[in-house]
Amino acid sequence: MLLDDSGKDIRLFGLAVDPARRRQGFGRSLTDALAARYPGRRLFIIENVPEGLLDRFMRRIGWRKSTLTQSEMAIDLT
């Protein structure tokens, strides 16, 4: 787990569970422990993963998606 707890809010930059251990509650345990470690502080996962990749997991553990989302843009430099 990679996070920044230096500000008012907690920013989670990375959370990994071994693929062989997924769907066994490890991710949920990690996020519950994080919430318990920082009671009363808002927890955010930074938008650095492809859109939709974490949506199902986050809904299952009771987190909700922010209205601020990642944007992908491209410009032709030729």
PDB file of N, CA and C in Angstrom:
ATOM      1  N   MET A   1       0.850  -1.160   0.000  1.00  0.00           N
ATOM      2  CA  MET A   1       0.000   0.000   0.000  1.00  0.00           C
ATOM      3  C   MET A   1       0.904   1.234   0.000  1.00  0.00           C
ATOM      4  N   LEU A   2       0.627   2.159  -0.902  1.00  0.00           N
ATOM      5  CA  LEU A   2       1.349   3.429  -0.960  1.00  0.00           C
ATOM      6  C   LEU A   2       0.358   4.539  -0.666  1.00  0.00           C
ATOM      7  N   LEU A   3       0.680   5.385   0.314  1.00  0.00           N
ATOM      8  CA  LEU A   3      -0.247   6.462   0.642  1.00  0.00           C
ATOM      9  C   LEU A   3       0.473   7.697   1.131  1.00  0.00           C
ATOM     10  N   ASP A   4      -0.256   8.808   1.105  1.00  0.00           N
ATOM     11  CA  ASP A   4       0.233  10.076   1.622  1.00  0.00           C
ATOM     12  C   ASP A   4      -0.734  10.514   2.710  1.00  0.00           C
ATOM     13  N   ASP A   5      -0.254  10.568   3.943  1.00  0.00           N
ATOM     14  CA  ASP A   5      -1.102  10.991   5.056  1.00  0.00           C
ATOM     15  C   ASP A   5      -0.648  12.324   5.638  1.00  0.00           C
ATOM     16  N   SER A   6       0.114  13.089   4.846  1.00  0.00           N
ATOM     17  CA  SER A   6       0.683  14.336   5.345  1.00  0.00           C
ATOM     18  C   SER A   6      -0.308  15.494   5.340  1.00  0.00           C
ATOM     19  N   GLY A   7      -1.410  15.371   4.633  1.00  0.00           N
ATOM     20  CA  GLY A   7      -2.391  16.452   4.567  1.00  0.00           C
ATOM     21  C   GLY A   7      -3.640  16.152   5.361  1.00  0.00           C
ATOM     22  N   LYS A   8      -4.662  16.962   5.099  1.00  0.00           N
ATOM     23  CA  LYS A   8      -5.947  16.797   5.779  1.00  0.00           C
ATOM     24  C   LYS A   8      -6.610  15.471   5.404  1.00  0.00           C
ATOM     25  N   ASP A   9      -6.483  15.093   4.137  1.00  0.00           N
ATOM     26  CA  ASP A   9      -7.071  13.860   3.637  1.00  0.00           C
ATOM     27  C   ASP A   9      -5.983  12.817   3.423  1.00  0.00           C
ATOM     28  N   ILE A  10      -6.387  11.556   3.354  1.00  0.00           N
ATOM     29  CA  ILE A  10      -5.462  10.453   3.082  1.00  0.00           C
ATOM     30  C   ILE A  10      -5.572  10.120   1.596  1.00  0.00           C
ATOM     31  N   ARG A  11      -4.458  10.129   0.912  1.00  0.00           N
ATOM     32  CA  ARG A  11      -4.424   9.817  -0.518  1.00  0.00           C
ATOM     33  C   ARG A  11      -3.756   8.463  -0.709  1.00  0.00           C
ATOM     34  N   LEU A  12      -4.497   7.530  -1.253  1.00  0.00           N
ATOM     35  CA  LEU A  12      -3.997   6.189  -1.516  1.00  0.00           C
ATOM     36  C   LEU A  12      -3.516   6.128  -2.959  1.00  0.00           C
ATOM     37  N   PHE A  13      -2.225   5.903  -3.151  1.00  0.00           N
ATOM     38  CA  PHE A  13      -1.628   5.866  -4.482  1.00  0.00           C
ATOM     39  C   PHE A  13      -1.553   4.452  -5.035  1.00  0.00           C
ATOM     40  N   GLY A  14      -1.575   3.467  -4.194  1.00  0.00           N
ATOM     41  CA  GLY A  14      -1.490   2.099  -4.670  1.00  0.00           C
ATOM     42  C   GLY A  14      -1.952   1.108  -3.627  1.00  0.00           C
ATOM     43  N   LEU A  15      -2.582   0.066  -4.092  1.00  0.00           N
ATOM     44  CA  LEU A  15      -3.067  -1.011  -3.235  1.00  0.00           C
ATOM     45  C   LEU A  15      -2.973  -2.282  -4.070  1.00  0.00           C
ATOM     46  N   ALA A  16      -2.256  -3.255  -3.584  1.00  0.00           N
ATOM     47  CA  ALA A  16      -2.072  -4.478  -4.365  1.00  0.00           C
ATOM     48  C   ALA A  16      -2.363  -5.704  -3.515  1.00  0.00           C
ATOM     49  N   VAL A  17      -3.006  -6.659  -4.137  1.00  0.00           N
ATOM     50  CA  VAL A  17      -3.250  -7.964  -3.537  1.00  0.00           C
ATOM     51  C   VAL A  17      -2.765  -8.989  -4.554  1.00  0.00           C
ATOM     52  N   ASP A  18      -2.000  -9.936  -4.098  1.00  0.00           N
ATOM     53  CA  ASP A  18      -1.506 -11.008  -4.961  1.00  0.00           C
ATOM     54  C   ASP A  18      -2.693 -11.628  -5.699  1.00  0.00           C
ATOM     55  N   PRO A  19      -2.583 -11.779  -7.024  1.00  0.00           N
ATOM     56  CA  PRO A  19      -3.701 -12.357  -7.780  1.00  0.00           C
ATOM     57  C   PRO A  19      -4.198 -13.694  -7.217  1.00  0.00           C
ATOM     58  N   ALA A  20      -3.324 -14.492  -6.673  1.00  0.00           N
ATOM     59  CA  ALA A  20      -3.736 -15.780  -6.097  1.00  0.00           C
ATOM     60  C   ALA A  20      -4.565 -15.599  -4.828  1.00  0.00           C
ATOM     61  N   ARG A  21      -4.514 -14.427  -4.206  1.00  0.00           N
ATOM     62  CA  ARG A  21      -5.234 -14.164  -2.951  1.00  0.00           C
ATOM     63  C   ARG A  21      -6.467 -13.296  -3.142  1.00  0.00           C
ATOM     64  N   ARG A  22      -6.748 -12.884  -4.376  1.00  0.00           N
ATOM     65  CA  ARG A  22      -7.889 -12.004  -4.620  1.00  0.00           C
ATOM     66  C   ARG A  22      -9.199 -12.714  -4.349  1.00  0.00           C
ATOM     67  N   ARG A  23     -10.216 -11.891  -4.021  1.00  0.00           N
ATOM     68  CA  ARG A  23     -11.579 -12.375  -3.720  1.00  0.00           C
ATOM     69  C   ARG A  23     -11.608 -13.240  -2.459  1.00  0.00           C
ATOM     70  N   GLN A  24     -10.637 -12.994  -1.557  1.00  0.00           N
ATOM     71  CA  GLN A  24     -10.603 -13.692  -0.271  1.00  0.00           C
ATOM     72  C   GLN A  24     -10.686 -12.717   0.897  1.00  0.00           C
ATOM     73  N   GLY A  25     -10.952 -11.448   0.603  1.00  0.00           N
ATOM     74  CA  GLY A  25     -11.122 -10.459   1.659  1.00  0.00           C
ATOM     75  C   GLY A  25      -9.876  -9.680   2.039  1.00  0.00           C
ATOM     76  N   PHE A  26      -8.751  -9.939   1.381  1.00  0.00           N
ATOM     77  CA  PHE A  26      -7.526  -9.232   1.744  1.00  0.00           C
ATOM     78  C   PHE A  26      -7.604  -7.736   1.418  1.00  0.00           C
ATOM     79  N   GLY A  27      -8.110  -7.397   0.243  1.00  0.00           N
ATOM     80  CA  GLY A  27      -8.258  -5.982  -0.121  1.00  0.00           C
ATOM     81  C   GLY A  27      -9.184  -5.264   0.828  1.00  0.00           C
ATOM     82  N   ARG A  28     -10.275  -5.896   1.172  1.00  0.00           N
ATOM     83  CA  ARG A  28     -11.233  -5.323   2.123  1.00  0.00           C
ATOM     84  C   ARG A  28     -10.572  -5.123   3.481  1.00  0.00           C
ATOM     85  N   SER A  29      -9.808  -6.107   3.929  1.00  0.00           N
ATOM     86  CA  SER A  29      -9.111  -5.997   5.219  1.00  0.00           C
ATOM     87  C   SER A  29      -8.125  -4.833   5.205  1.00  0.00           C
ATOM     88  N   LEU A  30      -7.416  -4.676   4.106  1.00  0.00           N
ATOM     89  CA  LEU A  30      -6.456  -3.567   4.002  1.00  0.00           C
ATOM     90  C   LEU A  30      -7.150  -2.212   4.061  1.00  0.00           C
ATOM     91  N   THR A  31      -8.251  -2.066   3.319  1.00  0.00           N
ATOM     92  CA  THR A  31      -8.943  -0.775   3.323  1.00  0.00           C
ATOM     93  C   THR A  31      -9.644  -0.517   4.656  1.00  0.00           C
ATOM     94  N   ASP A  32     -10.182  -1.547   5.289  1.00  0.00           N
ATOM     95  CA  ASP A  32     -10.789  -1.377   6.618  1.00  0.00           C
ATOM     96  C   ASP A  32      -9.736  -0.958   7.645  1.00  0.00           C
ATOM     97  N   ALA A  33      -8.552  -1.572   7.568  1.00  0.00           N
ATOM     98  CA  ALA A  33      -7.467  -1.208   8.484  1.00  0.00           C
ATOM     99  C   ALA A  33      -7.018   0.230   8.250  1.00  0.00           C
ATOM    100  N   LEU A  34      -6.993   0.643   6.995  1.00  0.00           N
ATOM    101  CA  LEU A  34      -6.624   2.017   6.672  1.00  0.00           C
ATOM    102  C   LEU A  34      -7.634   2.998   7.259  1.00  0.00           C
ATOM    103  N   ALA A  35      -8.914   2.706   7.113  1.00  0.00           N
ATOM    104  CA  ALA A  35      -9.962   3.569   7.679  1.00  0.00           C
ATOM    105  C   ALA A  35      -9.862   3.617   9.202  1.00  0.00           C
ATOM    106  N   ALA A  36      -9.547   2.495   9.828  1.00  0.00           N
ATOM    107  CA  ALA A  36      -9.411   2.454  11.287  1.00  0.00           C
ATOM    108  C   ALA A  36      -8.180   3.231  11.752  1.00  0.00           C
ATOM    109  N   ARG A  37      -7.131   3.218  10.949  1.00  0.00           N
ATOM    110  CA  ARG A  37      -5.891   3.921  11.297  1.00  0.00           C
ATOM    111  C   ARG A  37      -6.064   5.432  11.267  1.00  0.00           C
ATOM    112  N   TYR A  38      -6.973   5.913  10.405  1.00  0.00           N
ATOM    113  CA  TYR A  38      -7.198   7.348  10.231  1.00  0.00           C
ATOM    114  C   TYR A  38      -8.676   7.696  10.430  1.00  0.00           C
ATOM    115  N   PRO A  39      -9.220   7.471  11.611  1.00  0.00           N
ATOM    116  CA  PRO A  39     -10.645   7.742  11.829  1.00  0.00           C
ATOM    117  C   PRO A  39     -10.964   9.225  11.637  1.00  0.00           C
ATOM    118  N   GLY A  40     -12.088   9.479  10.989  1.00  0.00           N
ATOM    119  CA  GLY A  40     -12.537  10.851  10.784  1.00  0.00           C
ATOM    120  C   GLY A  40     -11.874  11.573   9.629  1.00  0.00           C
ATOM    121  N   ARG A  41     -10.908  10.947   8.978  1.00  0.00           N
ATOM    122  CA  ARG A  41     -10.254  11.577   7.825  1.00  0.00           C
ATOM    123  C   ARG A  41     -10.782  10.958   6.547  1.00  0.00           C
ATOM    124  N   ARG A  42     -10.946  11.783   5.520  1.00  0.00           N
ATOM    125  CA  ARG A  42     -11.436  11.286   4.240  1.00  0.00           C
ATOM    126  C   ARG A  42     -10.330  10.528   3.522  1.00  0.00           C
ATOM    127  N   LEU A  43     -10.705   9.425   2.903  1.00  0.00           N
ATOM    128  CA  LEU A  43      -9.769   8.567   2.184  1.00  0.00           C
ATOM    129  C   LEU A  43     -10.054   8.640   0.692  1.00  0.00           C
ATOM    130  N   PHE A  44      -9.024   8.865  -0.094  1.00  0.00           N
ATOM    131  CA  PHE A  44      -9.162   8.945  -1.548  1.00  0.00           C
ATOM    132  C   PHE A  44      -8.185   8.000  -2.215  1.00  0.00           C
ATOM    133  N   ILE A  45      -8.623   7.375  -3.290  1.00  0.00           N
ATOM    134  CA  ILE A  45      -7.711   6.634  -4.157  1.00  0.00           C
ATOM    135  C   ILE A  45      -7.444   7.532  -5.352  1.00  0.00           C
ATOM    136  N   ILE A  46      -6.180   7.764  -5.626  1.00  0.00           N
ATOM    137  CA  ILE A  46      -5.791   8.618  -6.732  1.00  0.00           C
ATOM    138  C   ILE A  46      -6.160   7.953  -8.053  1.00  0.00           C
ATOM    139  N   GLU A  47      -6.637   8.743  -8.990  1.00  0.00           N
ATOM    140  CA  GLU A  47      -7.051   8.242 -10.306  1.00  0.00           C
ATOM    141  C   GLU A  47      -5.841   7.931 -11.174  1.00  0.00           C
ATOM    142  N   ASN A  48      -5.113   6.881 -10.840  1.00  0.00           N
ATOM    143  CA  ASN A  48      -3.943   6.510 -11.647  1.00  0.00           C
ATOM    144  C   ASN A  48      -4.046   5.095 -12.197  1.00  0.00           C
ATOM    145  N   VAL A  49      -5.246   4.571 -12.213  1.00  0.00           N
ATOM    146  CA  VAL A  49      -5.489   3.248 -12.793  1.00  0.00           C
ATOM    147  C   VAL A  49      -6.515   3.417 -13.911  1.00  0.00           C
ATOM    148  N   PRO A  50      -6.522   2.540 -14.875  1.00  0.00           N
ATOM    149  CA  PRO A  50      -7.509   2.654 -15.955  1.00  0.00           C
ATOM    150  C   PRO A  50      -8.934   2.712 -15.410  1.00  0.00           C
ATOM    151  N   GLU A  51      -9.739   3.569 -16.006  1.00  0.00           N
ATOM    152  CA  GLU A  51     -11.113   3.747 -15.559  1.00  0.00           C
ATOM    153  C   GLU A  51     -11.859   2.415 -15.560  1.00  0.00           C
ATOM    154  N   GLY A  52     -12.574   2.172 -14.482  1.00  0.00           N
ATOM    155  CA  GLY A  52     -13.383   0.971 -14.367  1.00  0.00           C
ATOM    156  C   GLY A  52     -12.681  -0.207 -13.713  1.00  0.00           C
ATOM    157  N   LEU A  53     -11.360  -0.175 -13.638  1.00  0.00           N
ATOM    158  CA  LEU A  53     -10.616  -1.315 -13.121  1.00  0.00           C
ATOM    159  C   LEU A  53     -10.946  -1.623 -11.660  1.00  0.00           C
ATOM    160  N   LEU A  54     -11.140  -0.605 -10.853  1.00  0.00           N
ATOM    161  CA  LEU A  54     -11.409  -0.813  -9.423  1.00  0.00           C
ATOM    162  C   LEU A  54     -12.870  -0.627  -9.042  1.00  0.00           C
ATOM    163  N   ASP A  55     -13.717  -0.264  -9.985  1.00  0.00           N
ATOM    164  CA  ASP A  55     -15.099   0.093  -9.652  1.00  0.00           C
ATOM    165  C   ASP A  55     -15.837  -0.996  -8.876  1.00  0.00           C
ATOM    166  N   ARG A  56     -15.785  -2.225  -9.339  1.00  0.00           N
ATOM    167  CA  ARG A  56     -16.508  -3.315  -8.671  1.00  0.00           C
ATOM    168  C   ARG A  56     -16.009  -3.534  -7.246  1.00  0.00           C
ATOM    169  N   PHE A  57     -14.696  -3.554  -7.097  1.00  0.00           N
ATOM    170  CA  PHE A  57     -14.112  -3.741  -5.774  1.00  0.00           C
ATOM    171  C   PHE A  57     -14.522  -2.598  -4.842  1.00  0.00           C
ATOM    172  N   MET A  58     -14.417  -1.373  -5.321  1.00  0.00           N
ATOM    173  CA  MET A  58     -14.733  -0.226  -4.473  1.00  0.00           C
ATOM    174  C   MET A  58     -16.205  -0.221  -4.052  1.00  0.00           C
ATOM    175  N   ARG A  59     -17.101  -0.581  -4.950  1.00  0.00           N
ATOM    176  CA  ARG A  59     -18.523  -0.675  -4.580  1.00  0.00           C
ATOM    177  C   ARG A  59     -18.739  -1.742  -3.518  1.00  0.00           C
ATOM    178  N   ARG A  60     -18.060  -2.886  -3.657  1.00  0.00           N
ATOM    179  CA  ARG A  60     -18.213  -3.978  -2.690  1.00  0.00           C
ATOM    180  C   ARG A  60     -17.770  -3.574  -1.294  1.00  0.00           C
ATOM    181  N   ILE A  61     -16.727  -2.758  -1.199  1.00  0.00           N
ATOM    182  CA  ILE A  61     -16.244  -2.377   0.128  1.00  0.00           C
ATOM    183  C   ILE A  61     -16.900  -1.099   0.646  1.00  0.00           C
ATOM    184  N   GLY A  62     -17.843  -0.540  -0.131  1.00  0.00           N
ATOM    185  CA  GLY A  62     -18.619   0.591   0.347  1.00  0.00           C
ATOM    186  C   GLY A  62     -18.049   1.966   0.041  1.00  0.00           C
ATOM    187  N   TRP A  63     -17.016   2.044  -0.769  1.00  0.00           N
ATOM    188  CA  TRP A  63     -16.492   3.353  -1.161  1.00  0.00           C
ATOM    189  C   TRP A  63     -17.294   3.848  -2.350  1.00  0.00           C
ATOM    190  N   ARG A  64     -17.326   5.147  -2.558  1.00  0.00           N
ATOM    191  CA  ARG A  64     -18.051   5.695  -3.701  1.00  0.00           C
ATOM    192  C   ARG A  64     -17.112   6.518  -4.572  1.00  0.00           C
ATOM    193  N   LYS A  65     -17.468   6.611  -5.820  1.00  0.00           N
ATOM    194  CA  LYS A  65     -16.650   7.325  -6.797  1.00  0.00           C
ATOM    195  C   LYS A  65     -16.868   8.819  -6.668  1.00  0.00           C
ATOM    196  N   SER A  66     -15.797   9.566  -6.716  1.00  0.00           N
ATOM    197  CA  SER A  66     -15.843  11.016  -6.664  1.00  0.00           C
ATOM    198  C   SER A  66     -16.377  11.559  -7.985  1.00  0.00           C
ATOM    199  N   THR A  67     -16.900  12.774  -7.948  1.00  0.00           N
ATOM    200  CA  THR A  67     -17.343  13.408  -9.189  1.00  0.00           C
ATOM    201  C   THR A  67     -16.143  13.845 -10.027  1.00  0.00           C
ATOM    202  N   LEU A  68     -14.983  13.984  -9.405  1.00  0.00           N
ATOM    203  CA  LEU A  68     -13.756  14.322 -10.120  1.00  0.00           C
ATOM    204  C   LEU A  68     -13.145  13.033 -10.640  1.00  0.00           C
ATOM    205  N   THR A  69     -13.000  12.923 -11.943  1.00  0.00           N
ATOM    206  CA  THR A  69     -12.473  11.702 -12.533  1.00  0.00           C
ATOM    207  C   THR A  69     -11.283  12.014 -13.424  1.00  0.00           C
ATOM    208  N   GLN A  70     -10.601  10.977 -13.792  1.00  0.00           N
ATOM    209  CA  GLN A  70      -9.428  11.079 -14.655  1.00  0.00           C
ATOM    210  C   GLN A  70      -9.860  11.395 -16.090  1.00  0.00           C
ATOM    211  N   SER A  71      -9.115  12.275 -16.738  1.00  0.00           N
ATOM    212  CA  SER A  71      -9.364  12.579 -18.147  1.00  0.00           C
ATOM    213  C   SER A  71      -8.167  12.141 -18.962  1.00  0.00           C
ATOM    214  N   GLU A  72      -8.426  11.613 -20.127  1.00  0.00           N
ATOM    215  CA  GLU A  72      -7.349  11.242 -21.025  1.00  0.00           C
ATOM    216  C   GLU A  72      -7.479  12.104 -22.272  1.00  0.00           C
ATOM    217  N   MET A  73      -6.366  12.726 -22.644  1.00  0.00           N
ATOM    218  CA  MET A  73      -6.381  13.628 -23.788  1.00  0.00           C
ATOM    219  C   MET A  73      -5.211  13.300 -24.697  1.00  0.00           C
ATOM    220  N   ALA A  74      -5.354  13.643 -25.949  1.00  0.00           N
ATOM    221  CA  ALA A  74      -4.274  13.416 -26.925  1.00  0.00           C
ATOM    222  C   ALA A  74      -4.185  14.619 -27.854  1.00  0.00           C
ATOM    223  N   ILE A  75      -3.007  14.903 -28.326  1.00  0.00           N
ATOM    224  CA  ILE A  75      -2.811  15.976 -29.272  1.00  0.00           C
ATOM    225  C   ILE A  75      -1.848  15.478 -30.355  1.00  0.00           C
ATOM    226  N   ASP A  76      -2.159  15.782 -31.594  1.00  0.00           N
ATOM    227  CA  ASP A  76      -1.312  15.378 -32.716  1.00  0.00           C
ATOM    228  C   ASP A  76      -0.203  16.409 -32.862  1.00  0.00           C
ATOM    229  N   LEU A  77       1.031  16.011 -32.676  1.00  0.00           N
ATOM    230  CA  LEU A  77       2.168  16.930 -32.718  1.00  0.00           C
ATOM    231  C   LEU A  77       2.868  16.947 -34.081  1.00  0.00           C
ATOM    232  N   THR A  78       2.264  16.316 -35.082  1.00  0.00           N
ATOM    233  CA  THR A  78       2.937  16.307 -36.391  1.00  0.00           C
ATOM    234  C   THR A  78       2.611  17.532 -37.218  1.00  0.00           C
TER     235      THR A  78
END
